[in-house]
Amino acid sequence: MNKIIDLQIKCSNKEHDSFVQLACFNENCKANRIYCLECLRLGYHSVHPNEQYDLIKLLQFIKQIRQKSDELIKQLSSCIEKINLSFSILSQGLKQKYQLSEDQIQRFDAKQLNQALDQMLKYNETAGKILLDVGNCSKETFIQLNKISTQFELNELIYCDQIEQQKGQAQDLEGQNQLNTKILATSLIELNKYNDAIICIDKALLLLDSNHVKSFYLKAKSLLNLRHYNDAITWADKALLIDSKHIDSLCIKGKICYSPMYQQVLQDRLAIIKKHLLLLNKLCYQIQSMRYQQKQKLYVKQILNRKVFQQVDYQVILIL
């Protein structure tokens, strides 16, 4: 109990000059979960009175969650150990099958040596398939672990006793986050999940660094693979504005400009522009013709309204 009194945590309500003494355990509660007796007298958490406990219960609950968290970490570690065991079995099998010593070869008969040679000749095909399957599996695992961290906000909660330490590590943490984003986005691109990669990059640009050259390039690369050429050029240009010698971004623009598909897109757009220009010229000609006709009609009307013309016309009529 002394530990709780020594905490002396002030109520978050600035109007209450009291220390907190109660905690609300209702999962759906939106109010401050830690509060003082004055809050209780004002009716806070009165909807669920059976789920209000003192700070002793709070400390017991925190200890219980800490123990459960340790058990979860052990279970996850067990999963990793199973993966490591499978990897060890795989590595041992590869060594036994492909790393034959001269002593082993000398003990082979003709049939065994024939089988060994047959397997060796298929090595490149087998190795390529193993790398592809294991690589895809590891990338999917990496993506899922990052999604879990994001979904459950595992890296966003910072307690007061960590603030000073994390202030000194802020730049390192930002750099690590950028590296993680780069790895995740690259993995998504390699898995042809370009839209997911763009979402990941946009979030990183919003939360971490709005002028990250590598993120600009990766987004340009994703847009290129989606055949959004103009957008890809736009993002490559953003990278080049920061680093005019960024090779990857220059390559993106080069690939687009010399791409047959992009050339065809430009030709199609040029044909549309020419068609619109012809229609515009025709319309302008029609407008000019209409204006000319209107001017002529106005001129004839002015002549007909002149008195001299009316007199001459009257005399002509009399003669006739």
Protein backbone atom coordinates (compact mmCIF):
# COMPACT_ATOMS: atom_id res chain seq x y z
CA MET A 1 0.00 0.00 0.00
CA ASN A 2 2.91 2.34 0.71
CA LYS A 3 4.06 1.97 -2.88
CA ILE A 4 0.69 3.21 -4.09
CA ILE A 5 0.76 6.21 -1.73
CA ASP A 6 4.32 7.02 -2.75
CA LEU A 7 3.26 7.14 -6.40
CA GLN A 8 1.25 10.31 -5.74
CA ILE A 9 -0.21 10.43 -9.25
CA LYS A 10 -2.24 13.59 -9.76
CA CYS A 11 -5.71 13.28 -11.30
CA SER A 12 -5.72 14.17 -15.01
CA ASN A 13 -8.63 16.54 -14.38
CA LYS A 14 -6.84 19.81 -13.59
CA GLU A 15 -9.79 21.04 -11.54
CA HIS A 16 -9.30 18.20 -9.04
CA ASP A 17 -6.42 18.76 -6.65
CA SER A 18 -6.34 15.09 -5.68
CA PHE A 19 -4.35 11.92 -6.25
CA VAL A 20 -5.83 9.07 -8.22
CA GLN A 21 -7.16 6.16 -6.18
CA LEU A 22 -9.35 4.16 -8.56
CA ALA A 23 -9.10 2.38 -11.91
CA CYS A 24 -11.81 1.42 -14.40
CA PHE A 25 -11.50 -2.05 -15.97
CA ASN A 26 -14.39 -1.76 -18.44
CA GLU A 27 -12.97 -2.48 -21.90
CA ASN A 28 -15.46 -0.23 -23.71
CA CYS A 29 -15.02 2.78 -21.44
CA LYS A 30 -13.89 5.96 -23.22
CA ALA A 31 -13.26 8.12 -20.12
CA ASN A 32 -9.98 8.36 -18.22
CA ARG A 33 -9.47 4.95 -16.63
CA ILE A 34 -7.38 6.26 -13.71
CA TYR A 35 -9.24 8.79 -11.58
CA CYS A 36 -9.75 10.26 -8.12
CA LEU A 37 -12.59 10.17 -5.63
CA GLU A 38 -13.83 13.57 -6.80
CA CYS A 39 -14.37 12.08 -10.27
CA LEU A 40 -16.31 9.25 -8.65
CA ARG A 41 -18.53 11.73 -6.76
CA LEU A 42 -19.24 13.52 -10.07
CA GLY A 43 -20.59 10.28 -11.53
CA TYR A 44 -17.70 9.24 -13.73
CA HIS A 45 -17.89 5.52 -14.59
CA SER A 46 -21.25 5.22 -12.82
CA VAL A 47 -22.54 3.12 -15.73
CA HIS A 48 -20.28 0.20 -14.76
CA PRO A 49 -19.73 0.43 -10.97
CA ASN A 50 -18.82 -3.26 -10.66
CA GLU A 51 -15.74 -2.74 -12.83
CA GLN A 52 -14.06 -0.10 -10.65
CA TYR A 53 -11.14 -1.18 -8.47
CA ASP A 54 -8.48 0.38 -6.28
CA LEU A 55 -4.83 0.73 -7.26
CA ILE A 56 -3.85 -2.50 -5.50
CA LYS A 57 -6.02 -4.37 -7.99
CA LEU A 58 -4.45 -2.32 -10.78
CA LEU A 59 -0.92 -3.35 -9.78
CA GLN A 60 -2.00 -6.98 -9.52
CA PHE A 61 -3.54 -6.79 -12.97
CA ILE A 62 -0.38 -5.24 -14.46
CA LYS A 63 1.70 -8.01 -12.90
CA GLN A 64 -0.66 -10.62 -14.30
CA ILE A 65 -0.43 -9.15 -17.83
CA ARG A 66 3.36 -9.01 -17.51
CA GLN A 67 3.41 -12.74 -16.76
CA LYS A 68 1.05 -13.49 -19.65
CA SER A 69 3.22 -11.40 -21.94
CA ASP A 70 6.29 -13.42 -20.92
CA GLU A 71 4.38 -16.61 -21.73
CA LEU A 72 3.38 -15.22 -25.15
CA ILE A 73 7.00 -14.32 -25.91
CA LYS A 74 8.05 -17.85 -24.95
CA GLN A 75 5.41 -19.32 -27.28
CA LEU A 76 6.60 -17.09 -30.12
CA SER A 77 10.20 -18.03 -29.38
CA SER A 78 9.14 -21.67 -29.58
CA CYS A 79 7.76 -21.01 -33.07
CA ILE A 80 11.09 -19.48 -34.07
CA GLU A 81 12.93 -22.46 -32.59
CA LYS A 82 10.82 -24.80 -34.72
CA ILE A 83 11.73 -22.75 -37.78
CA ASN A 84 15.41 -22.89 -36.82
CA LEU A 85 15.14 -26.66 -36.34
CA SER A 86 13.58 -27.05 -39.79
CA PHE A 87 16.34 -24.87 -41.23
CA SER A 88 18.99 -27.03 -39.52
CA ILE A 89 17.43 -30.17 -41.00
CA LEU A 90 17.33 -28.51 -44.43
CA SER A 91 20.96 -27.38 -44.15
CA GLN A 92 22.08 -30.84 -43.03
CA GLY A 93 20.24 -32.46 -45.93
CA LEU A 94 21.87 -30.10 -48.43
CA LYS A 95 25.31 -30.87 -47.02
CA GLN A 96 24.73 -34.62 -47.13
CA LYS A 97 23.41 -34.52 -50.67
CA TYR A 98 25.69 -32.01 -52.40
CA GLN A 99 28.87 -31.69 -50.30
CA LEU A 100 30.38 -35.09 -51.04
CA SER A 101 33.94 -35.69 -49.90
CA GLU A 102 36.53 -37.66 -51.87
CA ASP A 103 36.38 -40.45 -49.28
CA GLN A 104 32.62 -40.79 -49.78
CA ILE A 105 32.99 -40.89 -53.57
CA GLN A 106 35.65 -43.61 -53.35
CA ARG A 107 33.23 -45.81 -51.35
CA PHE A 108 30.44 -45.42 -53.96
CA ASP A 109 29.61 -48.14 -56.42
CA ALA A 110 28.65 -47.34 -60.01
CA LYS A 111 24.92 -47.08 -59.22
CA GLN A 112 25.45 -44.68 -56.30
CA LEU A 113 27.85 -42.51 -58.29
CA ASN A 114 25.35 -42.40 -61.14
CA GLN A 115 22.62 -41.21 -58.74
CA ALA A 116 24.95 -38.59 -57.25
CA LEU A 117 25.83 -37.23 -60.68
CA ASP A 118 22.17 -37.15 -61.68
CA GLN A 119 21.38 -35.05 -58.58
CA MET A 120 24.36 -32.77 -59.14
CA LEU A 121 23.22 -31.99 -62.68
CA LYS A 122 19.85 -30.87 -61.30
CA TYR A 123 21.46 -28.73 -58.58
CA ASN A 124 20.84 -25.31 -60.18
CA GLU A 125 17.17 -26.07 -60.70
CA THR A 126 16.78 -27.40 -57.15
CA ALA A 127 18.70 -24.50 -55.58
CA GLY A 128 16.66 -21.94 -57.50
CA LYS A 129 13.37 -23.45 -56.36
CA ILE A 130 14.52 -23.68 -52.73
CA LEU A 131 15.65 -20.04 -52.71
CA LEU A 132 12.40 -18.91 -54.31
CA ASP A 133 10.16 -20.84 -51.91
CA VAL A 134 12.10 -19.99 -48.75
CA GLY A 135 12.55 -16.38 -49.88
CA ASN A 136 8.81 -15.94 -50.46
CA CYS A 137 8.07 -17.59 -47.10
CA SER A 138 10.50 -15.31 -45.25
CA LYS A 139 9.16 -12.20 -46.97
CA GLU A 140 5.58 -13.14 -46.12
CA THR A 141 6.62 -13.75 -42.51
CA PHE A 142 8.40 -10.39 -42.38
CA ILE A 143 5.35 -8.63 -43.81
CA GLN A 144 2.99 -10.33 -41.37
CA LEU A 145 5.17 -9.46 -38.35
CA ASN A 146 5.27 -5.80 -39.43
CA LYS A 147 1.51 -5.80 -39.96
CA ILE A 148 0.99 -7.23 -36.48
CA SER A 149 3.22 -4.54 -34.94
CA THR A 150 1.27 -1.85 -36.79
CA GLN A 151 -2.19 -3.33 -36.19
CA PHE A 152 -1.74 -3.66 -32.43
CA GLU A 153 0.34 -0.45 -32.11
CA LEU A 154 3.16 -2.35 -30.40
CA ASN A 155 5.73 0.38 -31.10
CA GLU A 156 3.57 3.44 -30.39
CA LEU A 157 3.08 3.34 -26.61
CA ILE A 158 5.79 5.23 -24.72
CA TYR A 159 5.70 5.29 -20.91
CA CYS A 160 7.00 8.23 -18.91
CA ASP A 161 10.09 6.41 -17.60
CA GLN A 162 11.21 5.79 -21.20
CA ILE A 163 10.81 9.32 -22.51
CA GLU A 164 14.26 10.62 -21.67
CA GLN A 165 15.95 7.53 -23.03
CA GLN A 166 13.97 7.61 -26.26
CA LYS A 167 14.65 11.30 -26.79
CA GLY A 168 18.32 10.45 -27.21
CA GLN A 169 17.47 7.56 -29.52
CA ALA A 170 14.92 9.41 -31.66
CA GLN A 171 17.14 9.81 -34.72
CA ASP A 172 18.32 6.20 -34.57
CA LEU A 173 14.73 5.02 -34.22
CA GLU A 174 13.62 7.11 -37.19
CA GLY A 175 16.47 5.72 -39.26
CA GLN A 176 15.54 2.17 -38.24
CA ASN A 177 11.89 2.80 -39.12
CA GLN A 178 12.92 4.11 -42.51
CA LEU A 179 15.07 1.03 -43.02
CA ASN A 180 12.18 -1.25 -42.01
CA THR A 181 9.87 0.60 -44.38
CA LYS A 182 12.40 0.24 -47.17
CA ILE A 183 12.74 -3.50 -46.54
CA LEU A 184 8.98 -3.99 -46.30
CA ALA A 185 8.25 -1.95 -49.44
CA THR A 186 11.01 -3.75 -51.35
CA SER A 187 9.62 -7.12 -50.27
CA LEU A 188 6.12 -6.13 -51.37
CA ILE A 189 7.44 -4.99 -54.76
CA GLU A 190 9.31 -8.27 -55.22
CA LEU A 191 6.05 -10.10 -54.42
CA ASN A 192 4.30 -7.97 -57.10
CA LYS A 193 2.12 -6.34 -54.42
CA TYR A 194 2.64 -2.85 -55.82
CA ASN A 195 -0.51 -1.23 -54.38
CA ASP A 196 0.37 -2.50 -50.89
CA ALA A 197 3.89 -1.14 -51.34
CA ILE A 198 2.51 2.29 -52.26
CA ILE A 199 0.30 2.31 -49.15
CA CYS A 200 3.31 1.39 -47.00
CA ILE A 201 5.45 4.13 -48.58
CA ASP A 202 2.74 6.80 -48.27
CA LYS A 203 2.39 6.02 -44.56
CA ALA A 204 6.15 6.28 -44.09
CA LEU A 205 6.28 9.62 -45.94
CA LEU A 206 3.45 10.92 -43.76
CA LEU A 207 4.74 9.72 -40.38
CA LEU A 208 8.54 9.58 -40.75
CA ASP A 209 10.13 11.73 -43.43
CA SER A 210 8.26 13.56 -46.17
CA ASN A 211 11.49 14.02 -48.18
CA HIS A 212 12.92 10.50 -48.11
CA VAL A 213 14.62 9.92 -51.48
CA LYS A 214 14.50 6.12 -51.29
CA SER A 215 10.76 6.20 -50.58
CA PHE A 216 10.19 8.45 -53.60
CA TYR A 217 12.14 6.00 -55.76
CA LEU A 218 10.29 2.92 -54.45
CA LYS A 219 6.95 4.58 -55.10
CA ALA A 220 8.07 5.49 -58.63
CA LYS A 221 9.14 1.88 -59.16
CA SER A 222 5.75 0.58 -57.95
CA LEU A 223 3.90 3.00 -60.22
CA LEU A 224 6.11 1.95 -63.13
CA ASN A 225 5.17 -1.69 -62.60
CA LEU A 226 1.51 -0.66 -62.48
CA ARG A 227 2.11 1.14 -65.84
CA HIS A 228 1.19 4.52 -64.36
CA TYR A 229 4.02 6.11 -66.29
CA ASN A 230 3.28 9.79 -65.76
CA ASP A 231 2.86 9.32 -62.02
CA ALA A 232 6.06 7.28 -61.91
CA ILE A 233 7.97 10.11 -63.63
CA THR A 234 6.48 12.60 -61.15
CA TRP A 235 7.79 10.65 -58.13
CA ALA A 236 11.15 9.97 -59.75
CA ASP A 237 11.46 13.72 -60.34
CA LYS A 238 10.73 14.34 -56.64
CA ALA A 239 13.66 12.10 -55.74
CA LEU A 240 15.89 13.85 -58.27
CA LEU A 241 14.99 17.27 -56.88
CA ILE A 242 16.63 16.20 -53.62
CA ASP A 243 19.44 14.16 -55.17
CA SER A 244 20.00 14.98 -58.83
CA LYS A 245 22.46 12.08 -59.15
CA HIS A 246 20.18 9.39 -57.71
CA ILE A 247 20.95 6.56 -60.13
CA ASP A 248 17.86 4.44 -59.46
CA SER A 249 15.48 7.34 -60.10
CA LEU A 250 17.33 8.24 -63.29
CA CYS A 251 17.02 4.62 -64.41
CA ILE A 252 13.27 4.74 -63.75
CA LYS A 253 12.90 7.75 -66.06
CA GLY A 254 15.15 6.11 -68.65
CA LYS A 255 13.11 2.90 -68.62
CA ILE A 256 9.88 4.85 -69.04
CA CYS A 257 11.10 7.15 -71.80
CA TYR A 258 12.49 4.26 -73.86
CA SER A 259 9.65 1.87 -73.06
CA PRO A 260 7.71 0.83 -76.20
CA MET A 261 4.46 0.95 -74.21
CA TYR A 262 5.15 4.49 -73.03
CA GLN A 263 6.10 5.53 -76.56
CA GLN A 264 2.80 4.07 -77.76
CA VAL A 265 0.94 5.95 -75.04
CA LEU A 266 2.63 9.19 -76.12
CA GLN A 267 1.78 8.51 -79.77
CA ASP A 268 -1.84 7.80 -78.90
CA ARG A 269 -2.05 10.99 -76.87
CA LEU A 270 -0.36 12.95 -79.65
CA ALA A 271 -2.91 11.58 -82.14
CA ILE A 272 -5.73 12.67 -79.82
CA ILE A 273 -4.17 16.13 -79.47
CA LYS A 274 -3.86 16.45 -83.29
CA LYS A 275 -7.48 15.41 -83.68
CA HIS A 276 -8.56 18.02 -81.14
CA LEU A 277 -6.46 20.67 -82.92
CA LEU A 278 -8.13 19.88 -86.25
CA LEU A 279 -11.56 20.15 -84.63
CA LEU A 280 -10.51 23.41 -82.98
CA ASN A 281 -9.26 24.85 -86.29
CA LYS A 282 -12.51 23.84 -87.98
CA LEU A 283 -14.52 25.46 -85.21
CA CYS A 284 -12.45 28.65 -85.43
CA TYR A 285 -13.03 28.77 -89.20
CA GLN A 286 -16.75 28.35 -88.71
CA ILE A 287 -16.78 31.12 -86.10
CA GLN A 288 -14.84 33.43 -88.43
CA SER A 289 -17.26 32.65 -91.29
CA MET A 290 -20.24 33.39 -89.07
CA ARG A 291 -18.69 36.67 -87.96
CA TYR A 292 -17.97 37.61 -91.60
CA GLN A 293 -21.54 36.86 -92.62
CA GLN A 294 -22.87 38.86 -89.70
CA LYS A 295 -20.68 41.80 -90.70
CA GLN A 296 -21.94 41.58 -94.29
CA LYS A 297 -25.57 41.50 -93.18
CA LEU A 298 -24.96 44.48 -90.92
CA TYR A 299 -23.28 46.37 -93.78
CA VAL A 300 -26.17 45.69 -96.19
CA LYS A 301 -28.65 46.73 -93.55
CA GLN A 302 -26.78 50.02 -93.02
CA ILE A 303 -26.82 50.71 -96.76
CA LEU A 304 -30.54 50.02 -97.01
CA ASN A 305 -31.21 52.43 -94.17
CA ARG A 306 -29.47 55.34 -95.93
CA LYS A 307 -31.83 58.06 -97.28
CA VAL A 308 -29.91 58.48 -100.56
CA PHE A 309 -30.34 54.81 -101.36
CA GLN A 310 -34.07 55.03 -100.56
CA GLN A 311 -34.52 58.01 -102.95
CA VAL A 312 -32.62 56.37 -105.77
CA ASP A 313 -34.59 53.24 -105.30
CA TYR A 314 -37.88 55.24 -105.38
CA GLN A 315 -36.91 56.97 -108.65
CA VAL A 316 -35.92 53.68 -110.20
CA ILE A 317 -39.31 52.31 -109.29
CA LEU A 318 -41.08 55.33 -110.95
CA ILE A 319 -39.09 54.93 -114.14
CA LEU A 320 -39.97 51.30 -114.29
